[in-house]
Amino acid sequence: MNPTVFAQTAGLLVLSNLFMTWAWYGHLKTLHDKPLWIAIAASWGIALFEYMLMVPANRAGFTTMSLAQLKILQEVITLLVFVPFALLVMKQPLKLDFLWAALCMCGAVYFIFR
């Protein structure tokens, strides 16, 4: 596996996940009092930027990683982005379940990347 390609892929996926998380959940905080169609339109607009980062990330990553490795990398990054978002933006309580989920993801990373 090429470390440069891995770093580029991971970096783009982190940025993509920032947009994805906001598109999926940000409207619950900022647009909860607006009509559903506004939340959908705003989320789709944000998701455009997610896809503009995610597609090149997956194309680059697929040159040196398997599809399963790309998927697990994406899921780990999703958890790394989602937990701070849930805590800091959505003011959700910190739960031990986040740790257990992270440990399960470590197992997934081990088995897919070994």
PDB file of N, CA and C in Angstrom:
ATOM      1  N   MET A   1       0.849  -1.179   0.000  1.00  0.00           N
ATOM      2  CA  MET A   1       0.000   0.000   0.000  1.00  0.00           C
ATOM      3  C   MET A   1       0.895   1.243   0.000  1.00  0.00           C
ATOM      4  N   ASN A   2       0.576   2.168  -0.847  1.00  0.00           N
ATOM      5  CA  ASN A   2       1.330   3.408  -0.989  1.00  0.00           C
ATOM      6  C   ASN A   2       0.906   4.384   0.114  1.00  0.00           C
ATOM      7  N   PRO A   3       1.858   4.771   1.017  1.00  0.00           N
ATOM      8  CA  PRO A   3       1.497   5.666   2.121  1.00  0.00           C
ATOM      9  C   PRO A   3       0.992   7.032   1.661  1.00  0.00           C
ATOM     10  N   THR A   4       1.492   7.534   0.552  1.00  0.00           N
ATOM     11  CA  THR A   4       1.047   8.830   0.043  1.00  0.00           C
ATOM     12  C   THR A   4      -0.400   8.758  -0.424  1.00  0.00           C
ATOM     13  N   VAL A   5      -0.722   7.707  -1.148  1.00  0.00           N
ATOM     14  CA  VAL A   5      -2.092   7.526  -1.622  1.00  0.00           C
ATOM     15  C   VAL A   5      -3.032   7.318  -0.434  1.00  0.00           C
ATOM     16  N   PHE A   6      -2.584   6.536   0.560  1.00  0.00           N
ATOM     17  CA  PHE A   6      -3.394   6.306   1.758  1.00  0.00           C
ATOM     18  C   PHE A   6      -3.680   7.625   2.470  1.00  0.00           C
ATOM     19  N   ALA A   7      -2.658   8.455   2.649  1.00  0.00           N
ATOM     20  CA  ALA A   7      -2.827   9.737   3.340  1.00  0.00           C
ATOM     21  C   ALA A   7      -3.746  10.667   2.537  1.00  0.00           C
ATOM     22  N   GLN A   8      -3.570  10.705   1.235  1.00  0.00           N
ATOM     23  CA  GLN A   8      -4.426  11.538   0.386  1.00  0.00           C
ATOM     24  C   GLN A   8      -5.872  11.061   0.477  1.00  0.00           C
ATOM     25  N   THR A   9      -6.075   9.751   0.392  1.00  0.00           N
ATOM     26  CA  THR A   9      -7.420   9.184   0.469  1.00  0.00           C
ATOM     27  C   THR A   9      -8.054   9.479   1.819  1.00  0.00           C
ATOM     28  N   ALA A  10      -7.313   9.233   2.890  1.00  0.00           N
ATOM     29  CA  ALA A  10      -7.844   9.473   4.237  1.00  0.00           C
ATOM     30  C   ALA A  10      -8.163  10.949   4.446  1.00  0.00           C
ATOM     31  N   GLY A  11      -7.295  11.828   3.985  1.00  0.00           N
ATOM     32  CA  GLY A  11      -7.535  13.266   4.141  1.00  0.00           C
ATOM     33  C   GLY A  11      -8.793  13.725   3.417  1.00  0.00           C
ATOM     34  N   LEU A  12      -8.954  13.260   2.175  1.00  0.00           N
ATOM     35  CA  LEU A  12     -10.149  13.619   1.416  1.00  0.00           C
ATOM     36  C   LEU A  12     -11.407  13.028   2.047  1.00  0.00           C
ATOM     37  N   LEU A  13     -11.292  11.808   2.591  1.00  0.00           N
ATOM     38  CA  LEU A  13     -12.445  11.189   3.240  1.00  0.00           C
ATOM     39  C   LEU A  13     -12.823  11.908   4.537  1.00  0.00           C
ATOM     40  N   VAL A  14     -11.841  12.413   5.255  1.00  0.00           N
ATOM     41  CA  VAL A  14     -12.148  13.205   6.461  1.00  0.00           C
ATOM     42  C   VAL A  14     -12.937  14.452   6.069  1.00  0.00           C
ATOM     43  N   LEU A  15     -12.449  15.167   5.071  1.00  0.00           N
ATOM     44  CA  LEU A  15     -13.158  16.364   4.617  1.00  0.00           C
ATOM     45  C   LEU A  15     -14.550  16.014   4.097  1.00  0.00           C
ATOM     46  N   SER A  16     -14.633  14.943   3.331  1.00  0.00           N
ATOM     47  CA  SER A  16     -15.922  14.491   2.816  1.00  0.00           C
ATOM     48  C   SER A  16     -16.883  14.180   3.955  1.00  0.00           C
ATOM     49  N   ASN A  17     -16.379  13.524   4.989  1.00  0.00           N
ATOM     50  CA  ASN A  17     -17.223  13.159   6.129  1.00  0.00           C
ATOM     51  C   ASN A  17     -17.696  14.362   6.919  1.00  0.00           C
ATOM     52  N   LEU A  18     -16.910  15.412   6.962  1.00  0.00           N
ATOM     53  CA  LEU A  18     -17.372  16.635   7.619  1.00  0.00           C
ATOM     54  C   LEU A  18     -18.624  17.162   6.926  1.00  0.00           C
ATOM     55  N   PHE A  19     -18.590  17.181   5.598  1.00  0.00           N
ATOM     56  CA  PHE A  19     -19.766  17.610   4.843  1.00  0.00           C
ATOM     57  C   PHE A  19     -20.916  16.616   5.002  1.00  0.00           C
ATOM     58  N   MET A  20     -20.596  15.315   4.926  1.00  0.00           N
ATOM     59  CA  MET A  20     -21.628  14.296   5.020  1.00  0.00           C
ATOM     60  C   MET A  20     -22.357  14.364   6.362  1.00  0.00           C
ATOM     61  N   THR A  21     -21.599  14.485   7.432  1.00  0.00           N
ATOM     62  CA  THR A  21     -22.204  14.515   8.758  1.00  0.00           C
ATOM     63  C   THR A  21     -23.096  15.733   8.911  1.00  0.00           C
ATOM     64  N   TRP A  22     -22.644  16.864   8.410  1.00  0.00           N
ATOM     65  CA  TRP A  22     -23.471  18.065   8.490  1.00  0.00           C
ATOM     66  C   TRP A  22     -24.724  17.912   7.617  1.00  0.00           C
ATOM     67  N   ALA A  23     -24.572  17.341   6.421  1.00  0.00           N
ATOM     68  CA  ALA A  23     -25.727  17.149   5.543  1.00  0.00           C
ATOM     69  C   ALA A  23     -26.743  16.201   6.167  1.00  0.00           C
ATOM     70  N   TRP A  24     -26.270  15.155   6.813  1.00  0.00           N
ATOM     71  CA  TRP A  24     -27.170  14.154   7.390  1.00  0.00           C
ATOM     72  C   TRP A  24     -27.831  14.623   8.675  1.00  0.00           C
ATOM     73  N   TYR A  25     -27.069  15.337   9.521  1.00  0.00           N
ATOM     74  CA  TYR A  25     -27.568  15.619  10.869  1.00  0.00           C
ATOM     75  C   TYR A  25     -27.640  17.096  11.230  1.00  0.00           C
ATOM     76  N   GLY A  26     -26.937  17.954  10.524  1.00  0.00           N
ATOM     77  CA  GLY A  26     -26.908  19.369  10.870  1.00  0.00           C
ATOM     78  C   GLY A  26     -28.269  20.036  10.809  1.00  0.00           C
ATOM     79  N   HIS A  27     -29.099  19.598   9.884  1.00  0.00           N
ATOM     80  CA  HIS A  27     -30.439  20.191   9.761  1.00  0.00           C
ATOM     81  C   HIS A  27     -31.290  19.951  11.004  1.00  0.00           C
ATOM     82  N   LEU A  28     -30.964  18.906  11.769  1.00  0.00           N
ATOM     83  CA  LEU A  28     -31.720  18.631  12.997  1.00  0.00           C
ATOM     84  C   LEU A  28     -31.544  19.749  14.019  1.00  0.00           C
ATOM     85  N   LYS A  29     -30.406  20.426  13.935  1.00  0.00           N
ATOM     86  CA  LYS A  29     -30.139  21.529  14.858  1.00  0.00           C
ATOM     87  C   LYS A  29     -30.511  22.878  14.247  1.00  0.00           C
ATOM     88  N   THR A  30     -30.150  23.075  12.994  1.00  0.00           N
ATOM     89  CA  THR A  30     -30.269  24.418  12.412  1.00  0.00           C
ATOM     90  C   THR A  30     -31.561  24.650  11.635  1.00  0.00           C
ATOM     91  N   LEU A  31     -32.177  23.603  11.142  1.00  0.00           N
ATOM     92  CA  LEU A  31     -33.367  23.769  10.306  1.00  0.00           C
ATOM     93  C   LEU A  31     -34.583  23.020  10.856  1.00  0.00           C
ATOM     94  N   HIS A  32     -34.567  22.697  12.125  1.00  0.00           N
ATOM     95  CA  HIS A  32     -35.650  21.900  12.707  1.00  0.00           C
ATOM     96  C   HIS A  32     -37.015  22.586  12.643  1.00  0.00           C
ATOM     97  N   ASP A  33     -37.015  23.901  12.540  1.00  0.00           N
ATOM     98  CA  ASP A  33     -38.282  24.640  12.499  1.00  0.00           C
ATOM     99  C   ASP A  33     -38.684  25.042  11.075  1.00  0.00           C
ATOM    100  N   LYS A  34     -37.928  24.579  10.091  1.00  0.00           N
ATOM    101  CA  LYS A  34     -38.219  24.895   8.683  1.00  0.00           C
ATOM    102  C   LYS A  34     -38.961  23.726   8.039  1.00  0.00           C
ATOM    103  N   PRO A  35     -39.628  23.982   6.911  1.00  0.00           N
ATOM    104  CA  PRO A  35     -40.289  22.886   6.198  1.00  0.00           C
ATOM    105  C   PRO A  35     -39.280  21.821   5.757  1.00  0.00           C
ATOM    106  N   LEU A  36     -39.753  20.599   5.662  1.00  0.00           N
ATOM    107  CA  LEU A  36     -38.891  19.476   5.303  1.00  0.00           C
ATOM    108  C   LEU A  36     -38.192  19.696   3.970  1.00  0.00           C
ATOM    109  N   TRP A  37     -38.867  20.281   2.994  1.00  0.00           N
ATOM    110  CA  TRP A  37     -38.244  20.457   1.681  1.00  0.00           C
ATOM    111  C   TRP A  37     -37.030  21.365   1.758  1.00  0.00           C
ATOM    112  N   ILE A  38     -37.032  22.317   2.674  1.00  0.00           N
ATOM    113  CA  ILE A  38     -35.862  23.199   2.841  1.00  0.00           C
ATOM    114  C   ILE A  38     -34.690  22.409   3.411  1.00  0.00           C
ATOM    115  N   ALA A  39     -34.965  21.577   4.396  1.00  0.00           N
ATOM    116  CA  ALA A  39     -33.903  20.741   4.974  1.00  0.00           C
ATOM    117  C   ALA A  39     -33.331  19.790   3.927  1.00  0.00           C
ATOM    118  N   ILE A  40     -34.209  19.224   3.113  1.00  0.00           N
ATOM    119  CA  ILE A  40     -33.748  18.306   2.063  1.00  0.00           C
ATOM    120  C   ILE A  40     -32.889  19.047   1.042  1.00  0.00           C
ATOM    121  N   ALA A  41     -33.346  20.198   0.595  1.00  0.00           N
ATOM    122  CA  ALA A  41     -32.581  20.977  -0.394  1.00  0.00           C
ATOM    123  C   ALA A  41     -31.223  21.399   0.167  1.00  0.00           C
ATOM    124  N   ALA A  42     -31.217  21.856   1.401  1.00  0.00           N
ATOM    125  CA  ALA A  42     -29.950  22.264   2.024  1.00  0.00           C
ATOM    126  C   ALA A  42     -29.007  21.068   2.162  1.00  0.00           C
ATOM    127  N   SER A  43     -29.547  19.938   2.585  1.00  0.00           N
ATOM    128  CA  SER A  43     -28.719  18.740   2.741  1.00  0.00           C
ATOM    129  C   SER A  43     -28.146  18.279   1.406  1.00  0.00           C
ATOM    130  N   TRP A  44     -28.941  18.337   0.356  1.00  0.00           N
ATOM    131  CA  TRP A  44     -28.450  17.961  -0.964  1.00  0.00           C
ATOM    132  C   TRP A  44     -27.356  18.917  -1.432  1.00  0.00           C
ATOM    133  N   GLY A  45     -27.525  20.184  -1.144  1.00  0.00           N
ATOM    134  CA  GLY A  45     -26.496  21.153  -1.509  1.00  0.00           C
ATOM    135  C   GLY A  45     -25.175  20.885  -0.809  1.00  0.00           C
ATOM    136  N   ILE A  46     -25.259  20.541   0.469  1.00  0.00           N
ATOM    137  CA  ILE A  46     -24.057  20.207   1.232  1.00  0.00           C
ATOM    138  C   ILE A  46     -23.457  18.898   0.724  1.00  0.00           C
ATOM    139  N   ALA A  47     -24.314  17.928   0.411  1.00  0.00           N
ATOM    140  CA  ALA A  47     -23.847  16.620  -0.056  1.00  0.00           C
ATOM    141  C   ALA A  47     -23.086  16.724  -1.372  1.00  0.00           C
ATOM    142  N   LEU A  48     -23.380  17.731  -2.175  1.00  0.00           N
ATOM    143  CA  LEU A  48     -22.617  17.922  -3.413  1.00  0.00           C
ATOM    144  C   LEU A  48     -21.129  18.044  -3.104  1.00  0.00           C
ATOM    145  N   PHE A  49     -20.803  18.830  -2.072  1.00  0.00           N
ATOM    146  CA  PHE A  49     -19.394  19.004  -1.697  1.00  0.00           C
ATOM    147  C   PHE A  49     -18.816  17.715  -1.121  1.00  0.00           C
ATOM    148  N   GLU A  50     -19.647  16.966  -0.411  1.00  0.00           N
ATOM    149  CA  GLU A  50     -19.205  15.658   0.088  1.00  0.00           C
ATOM    150  C   GLU A  50     -18.770  14.780  -1.081  1.00  0.00           C
ATOM    151  N   TYR A  51     -19.611  14.696  -2.093  1.00  0.00           N
ATOM    152  CA  TYR A  51     -19.314  13.843  -3.239  1.00  0.00           C
ATOM    153  C   TYR A  51     -18.123  14.350  -4.043  1.00  0.00           C
ATOM    154  N   MET A  52     -17.938  15.661  -4.092  1.00  0.00           N
ATOM    155  CA  MET A  52     -16.790  16.217  -4.815  1.00  0.00           C
ATOM    156  C   MET A  52     -15.467  15.832  -4.159  1.00  0.00           C
ATOM    157  N   LEU A  53     -15.510  15.455  -2.896  1.00  0.00           N
ATOM    158  CA  LEU A  53     -14.318  14.996  -2.184  1.00  0.00           C
ATOM    159  C   LEU A  53     -14.257  13.468  -2.105  1.00  0.00           C
ATOM    160  N   MET A  54     -15.407  12.838  -1.907  1.00  0.00           N
ATOM    161  CA  MET A  54     -15.450  11.397  -1.718  1.00  0.00           C
ATOM    162  C   MET A  54     -15.106  10.629  -2.998  1.00  0.00           C
ATOM    163  N   VAL A  55     -15.613  11.082  -4.134  1.00  0.00           N
ATOM    164  CA  VAL A  55     -15.349  10.360  -5.382  1.00  0.00           C
ATOM    165  C   VAL A  55     -13.854  10.347  -5.716  1.00  0.00           C
ATOM    166  N   PRO A  56     -13.150  11.488  -5.675  1.00  0.00           N
ATOM    167  CA  PRO A  56     -11.700  11.423  -5.930  1.00  0.00           C
ATOM    168  C   PRO A  56     -10.955  10.618  -4.859  1.00  0.00           C
ATOM    169  N   ALA A  57     -11.420  10.683  -3.623  1.00  0.00           N
ATOM    170  CA  ALA A  57     -10.776   9.901  -2.554  1.00  0.00           C
ATOM    171  C   ALA A  57     -10.863   8.415  -2.863  1.00  0.00           C
ATOM    172  N   ASN A  58     -12.046   7.958  -3.233  1.00  0.00           N
ATOM    173  CA  ASN A  58     -12.208   6.532  -3.532  1.00  0.00           C
ATOM    174  C   ASN A  58     -11.472   6.118  -4.797  1.00  0.00           C
ATOM    175  N   ARG A  59     -11.438   6.990  -5.775  1.00  0.00           N
ATOM    176  CA  ARG A  59     -10.689   6.666  -6.996  1.00  0.00           C
ATOM    177  C   ARG A  59      -9.199   6.526  -6.701  1.00  0.00           C
ATOM    178  N   ALA A  60      -8.675   7.453  -5.911  1.00  0.00           N
ATOM    179  CA  ALA A  60      -7.251   7.380  -5.555  1.00  0.00           C
ATOM    180  C   ALA A  60      -6.983   6.157  -4.687  1.00  0.00           C
ATOM    181  N   GLY A  61      -7.814   5.968  -3.688  1.00  0.00           N
ATOM    182  CA  GLY A  61      -7.606   4.849  -2.766  1.00  0.00           C
ATOM    183  C   GLY A  61      -7.694   3.496  -3.428  1.00  0.00           C
ATOM    184  N   PHE A  62      -8.572   3.373  -4.420  1.00  0.00           N
ATOM    185  CA  PHE A  62      -8.770   2.085  -5.086  1.00  0.00           C
ATOM    186  C   PHE A  62      -7.562   1.674  -5.925  1.00  0.00           C
ATOM    187  N   THR A  63      -6.617   2.597  -6.140  1.00  0.00           N
ATOM    188  CA  THR A  63      -5.403   2.232  -6.879  1.00  0.00           C
ATOM    189  C   THR A  63      -4.482   1.368  -6.032  1.00  0.00           C
ATOM    190  N   THR A  64      -4.600   1.462  -4.686  1.00  0.00           N
ATOM    191  CA  THR A  64      -3.712   0.667  -3.830  1.00  0.00           C
ATOM    192  C   THR A  64      -4.447  -0.104  -2.730  1.00  0.00           C
ATOM    193  N   MET A  65      -5.740   0.140  -2.551  1.00  0.00           N
ATOM    194  CA  MET A  65      -6.514  -0.552  -1.525  1.00  0.00           C
ATOM    195  C   MET A  65      -7.647  -1.333  -2.170  1.00  0.00           C
ATOM    196  N   SER A  66      -8.064  -2.365  -1.460  1.00  0.00           N
ATOM    197  CA  SER A  66      -9.225  -3.115  -1.934  1.00  0.00           C
ATOM    198  C   SER A  66     -10.496  -2.340  -1.605  1.00  0.00           C
ATOM    199  N   LEU A  67     -11.591  -2.765  -2.192  1.00  0.00           N
ATOM    200  CA  LEU A  67     -12.878  -2.139  -1.925  1.00  0.00           C
ATOM    201  C   LEU A  67     -13.239  -2.268  -0.443  1.00  0.00           C
ATOM    202  N   ALA A  68     -12.987  -3.424   0.140  1.00  0.00           N
ATOM    203  CA  ALA A  68     -13.277  -3.632   1.564  1.00  0.00           C
ATOM    204  C   ALA A  68     -12.430  -2.715   2.443  1.00  0.00           C
ATOM    205  N   GLN A  69     -11.170  -2.532   2.086  1.00  0.00           N
ATOM    206  CA  GLN A  69     -10.303  -1.630   2.851  1.00  0.00           C
ATOM    207  C   GLN A  69     -10.810  -0.195   2.766  1.00  0.00           C
ATOM    208  N   LEU A  70     -11.236   0.226   1.584  1.00  0.00           N
ATOM    209  CA  LEU A  70     -11.792   1.572   1.433  1.00  0.00           C
ATOM    210  C   LEU A  70     -13.034   1.745   2.305  1.00  0.00           C
ATOM    211  N   LYS A  71     -13.882   0.729   2.337  1.00  0.00           N
ATOM    212  CA  LYS A  71     -15.116   0.823   3.112  1.00  0.00           C
ATOM    213  C   LYS A  71     -14.834   0.911   4.607  1.00  0.00           C
ATOM    214  N   ILE A  72     -13.936   0.101   5.107  1.00  0.00           N
ATOM    215  CA  ILE A  72     -13.607   0.137   6.539  1.00  0.00           C
ATOM    216  C   ILE A  72     -12.934   1.452   6.891  1.00  0.00           C
ATOM    217  N   LEU A  73     -12.044   1.936   6.030  1.00  0.00           N
ATOM    218  CA  LEU A  73     -11.424   3.246   6.263  1.00  0.00           C
ATOM    219  C   LEU A  73     -12.505   4.316   6.362  1.00  0.00           C
ATOM    220  N   GLN A  74     -13.473   4.282   5.455  1.00  0.00           N
ATOM    221  CA  GLN A  74     -14.577   5.235   5.467  1.00  0.00           C
ATOM    222  C   GLN A  74     -15.355   5.144   6.782  1.00  0.00           C
ATOM    223  N   GLU A  75     -15.638   3.943   7.252  1.00  0.00           N
ATOM    224  CA  GLU A  75     -16.417   3.776   8.482  1.00  0.00           C
ATOM    225  C   GLU A  75     -15.662   4.267   9.712  1.00  0.00           C
ATOM    226  N   VAL A  76     -14.363   4.017   9.753  1.00  0.00           N
ATOM    227  CA  VAL A  76     -13.553   4.507  10.875  1.00  0.00           C
ATOM    228  C   VAL A  76     -13.548   6.037  10.880  1.00  0.00           C
ATOM    229  N   ILE A  77     -13.353   6.626   9.720  1.00  0.00           N
ATOM    230  CA  ILE A  77     -13.354   8.085   9.619  1.00  0.00           C
ATOM    231  C   ILE A  77     -14.722   8.634   9.986  1.00  0.00           C
ATOM    232  N   THR A  78     -15.782   7.959   9.561  1.00  0.00           N
ATOM    233  CA  THR A  78     -17.123   8.397   9.916  1.00  0.00           C
ATOM    234  C   THR A  78     -17.294   8.462  11.427  1.00  0.00           C
ATOM    235  N   LEU A  79     -16.835   7.446  12.126  1.00  0.00           N
ATOM    236  CA  LEU A  79     -16.940   7.440  13.588  1.00  0.00           C
ATOM    237  C   LEU A  79     -16.075   8.549  14.200  1.00  0.00           C
ATOM    238  N   LEU A  80     -14.880   8.755  13.654  1.00  0.00           N
ATOM    239  CA  LEU A  80     -13.991   9.800  14.175  1.00  0.00           C
ATOM    240  C   LEU A  80     -14.567  11.204  13.972  1.00  0.00           C
ATOM    241  N   VAL A  81     -15.335  11.385  12.917  1.00  0.00           N
ATOM    242  CA  VAL A  81     -15.964  12.687  12.658  1.00  0.00           C
ATOM    243  C   VAL A  81     -17.277  12.809  13.425  1.00  0.00           C
ATOM    244  N   PHE A  82     -18.052  11.723  13.467  1.00  0.00           N
ATOM    245  CA  PHE A  82     -19.381  11.777  14.070  1.00  0.00           C
ATOM    246  C   PHE A  82     -19.343  12.024  15.572  1.00  0.00           C
ATOM    247  N   VAL A  83     -18.454  11.379  16.285  1.00  0.00           N
ATOM    248  CA  VAL A  83     -18.448  11.507  17.749  1.00  0.00           C
ATOM    249  C   VAL A  83     -18.197  12.954  18.184  1.00  0.00           C
ATOM    250  N   PRO A  84     -17.163  13.628  17.692  1.00  0.00           N
ATOM    251  CA  PRO A  84     -17.016  15.043  18.076  1.00  0.00           C
ATOM    252  C   PRO A  84     -18.201  15.899  17.637  1.00  0.00           C
ATOM    253  N   PHE A  85     -18.758  15.628  16.460  1.00  0.00           N
ATOM    254  CA  PHE A  85     -19.933  16.359  15.996  1.00  0.00           C
ATOM    255  C   PHE A  85     -21.097  16.166  16.967  1.00  0.00           C
ATOM    256  N   ALA A  86     -21.341  14.928  17.361  1.00  0.00           N
ATOM    257  CA  ALA A  86     -22.440  14.637  18.281  1.00  0.00           C
ATOM    258  C   ALA A  86     -22.236  15.343  19.619  1.00  0.00           C
ATOM    259  N   LEU A  87     -21.004  15.345  20.099  1.00  0.00           N
ATOM    260  CA  LEU A  87     -20.712  15.951  21.399  1.00  0.00           C
ATOM    261  C   LEU A  87     -20.711  17.473  21.338  1.00  0.00           C
ATOM    262  N   LEU A  88     -20.006  18.039  20.364  1.00  0.00           N
ATOM    263  CA  LEU A  88     -19.779  19.486  20.334  1.00  0.00           C
ATOM    264  C   LEU A  88     -20.902  20.270  19.660  1.00  0.00           C
ATOM    265  N   VAL A  89     -21.411  19.759  18.558  1.00  0.00           N
ATOM    266  CA  VAL A  89     -22.430  20.501  17.813  1.00  0.00           C
ATOM    267  C   VAL A  89     -23.833  20.159  18.313  1.00  0.00           C
ATOM    268  N   MET A  90     -24.102  18.867  18.445  1.00  0.00           N
ATOM    269  CA  MET A  90     -25.455  18.436  18.816  1.00  0.00           C
ATOM    270  C   MET A  90     -25.653  18.320  20.325  1.00  0.00           C
ATOM    271  N   LYS A  91     -24.560  18.534  21.081  1.00  0.00           N
ATOM    272  CA  LYS A  91     -24.635  18.525  22.555  1.00  0.00           C
ATOM    273  C   LYS A  91     -25.192  17.210  23.102  1.00  0.00           C
ATOM    274  N   GLN A  92     -24.820  16.106  22.475  1.00  0.00           N
ATOM    275  CA  GLN A  92     -25.231  14.791  22.947  1.00  0.00           C
ATOM    276  C   GLN A  92     -24.278  14.350  24.055  1.00  0.00           C
ATOM    277  N   PRO A  93     -24.741  13.537  24.981  1.00  0.00           N
ATOM    278  CA  PRO A  93     -23.869  13.091  26.070  1.00  0.00           C
ATOM    279  C   PRO A  93     -22.824  12.091  25.577  1.00  0.00           C
ATOM    280  N   LEU A  94     -21.664  12.124  26.213  1.00  0.00           N
ATOM    281  CA  LEU A  94     -20.613  11.150  25.923  1.00  0.00           C
ATOM    282  C   LEU A  94     -21.035   9.812  26.528  1.00  0.00           C
ATOM    283  N   LYS A  95     -21.006   8.770  25.723  1.00  0.00           N
ATOM    284  CA  LYS A  95     -21.424   7.455  26.186  1.00  0.00           C
ATOM    285  C   LYS A  95     -20.289   6.456  26.012  1.00  0.00           C
ATOM    286  N   LEU A  96     -20.264   5.497  26.895  1.00  0.00           N
ATOM    287  CA  LEU A  96     -19.288   4.431  26.800  1.00  0.00           C
ATOM    288  C   LEU A  96     -19.478   3.631  25.512  1.00  0.00           C
ATOM    289  N   ASP A  97     -20.667   3.681  24.957  1.00  0.00           N
ATOM    290  CA  ASP A  97     -20.942   2.971  23.703  1.00  0.00           C
ATOM    291  C   ASP A  97     -20.038   3.440  22.572  1.00  0.00           C
ATOM    292  N   PHE A  98     -19.616   4.705  22.594  1.00  0.00           N
ATOM    293  CA  PHE A  98     -18.685   5.198  21.574  1.00  0.00           C
ATOM    294  C   PHE A  98     -17.358   4.433  21.654  1.00  0.00           C
ATOM    295  N   LEU A  99     -16.906   4.150  22.856  1.00  0.00           N
ATOM    296  CA  LEU A  99     -15.672   3.379  23.034  1.00  0.00           C
ATOM    297  C   LEU A  99     -15.841   1.968  22.502  1.00  0.00           C
ATOM    298  N   TRP A 100     -16.952   1.323  22.835  1.00  0.00           N
ATOM    299  CA  TRP A 100     -17.179  -0.049  22.367  1.00  0.00           C
ATOM    300  C   TRP A 100     -17.254  -0.083  20.844  1.00  0.00           C
ATOM    301  N   ALA A 101     -17.916   0.893  20.265  1.00  0.00           N
ATOM    302  CA  ALA A 101     -17.994   0.961  18.802  1.00  0.00           C
ATOM    303  C   ALA A 101     -16.601   1.126  18.198  1.00  0.00           C
ATOM    304  N   ALA A 102     -15.786   1.968  18.822  1.00  0.00           N
ATOM    305  CA  ALA A 102     -14.417   2.181  18.328  1.00  0.00           C
ATOM    306  C   ALA A 102     -13.596   0.897  18.423  1.00  0.00           C
ATOM    307  N   LEU A 103     -13.771   0.162  19.493  1.00  0.00           N
ATOM    308  CA  LEU A 103     -13.046  -1.103  19.639  1.00  0.00           C
ATOM    309  C   LEU A 103     -13.482  -2.112  18.571  1.00  0.00           C
ATOM    310  N   CYS A 104     -14.764  -2.146  18.280  1.00  0.00           N
ATOM    311  CA  CYS A 104     -15.246  -3.021  17.201  1.00  0.00           C
ATOM    312  C   CYS A 104     -14.631  -2.608  15.867  1.00  0.00           C
ATOM    313  N   MET A 105     -14.527  -1.307  15.645  1.00  0.00           N
ATOM    314  CA  MET A 105     -13.927  -0.814  14.399  1.00  0.00           C
ATOM    315  C   MET A 105     -12.448  -1.194  14.322  1.00  0.00           C
ATOM    316  N   CYS A 106     -11.751  -1.174  15.461  1.00  0.00           N
ATOM    317  CA  CYS A 106     -10.346  -1.606  15.467  1.00  0.00           C
ATOM    318  C   CYS A 106     -10.233  -3.053  15.012  1.00  0.00           C
ATOM    319  N   GLY A 107     -11.153  -3.884  15.474  1.00  0.00           N
ATOM    320  CA  GLY A 107     -11.179  -5.268  15.021  1.00  0.00           C
ATOM    321  C   GLY A 107     -11.420  -5.365  13.525  1.00  0.00           C
ATOM    322  N   ALA A 108     -12.353  -4.577  13.014  1.00  0.00           N
ATOM    323  CA  ALA A 108     -12.650  -4.565  11.584  1.00  0.00           C
ATOM    324  C   ALA A 108     -11.422  -4.132  10.786  1.00  0.00           C
ATOM    325  N   VAL A 109     -10.751  -3.099  11.266  1.00  0.00           N
ATOM    326  CA  VAL A 109      -9.527  -2.632  10.581  1.00  0.00           C
ATOM    327  C   VAL A 109      -8.484  -3.747  10.551  1.00  0.00           C
ATOM    328  N   TYR A 110      -8.295  -4.404  11.677  1.00  0.00           N
ATOM    329  CA  TYR A 110      -7.312  -5.492  11.738  1.00  0.00           C
ATOM    330  C   TYR A 110      -7.619  -6.564  10.691  1.00  0.00           C
ATOM    331  N   PHE A 111      -8.860  -7.043  10.691  1.00  0.00           N
ATOM    332  CA  PHE A 111      -9.187  -8.147   9.799  1.00  0.00           C
ATOM    333  C   PHE A 111      -9.163  -7.768   8.323  1.00  0.00           C
ATOM    334  N   ILE A 112      -9.532  -6.542   7.997  1.00  0.00           N
ATOM    335  CA  ILE A 112      -9.563  -6.143   6.586  1.00  0.00           C
ATOM    336  C   ILE A 112      -8.173  -5.771   6.059  1.00  0.00           C
ATOM    337  N   PHE A 113      -7.330  -5.188   6.920  1.00  0.00           N
ATOM    338  CA  PHE A 113      -6.016  -4.727   6.462  1.00  0.00           C
ATOM    339  C   PHE A 113      -4.889  -5.727   6.702  1.00  0.00           C
ATOM    340  N   ARG A 114      -5.158  -6.850   7.343  1.00  0.00           N
ATOM    341  CA  ARG A 114      -4.056  -7.812   7.616  1.00  0.00           C
ATOM    342  C   ARG A 114      -3.613  -8.509   6.363  1.00  0.00           C
TER     343      ARG A 114
END
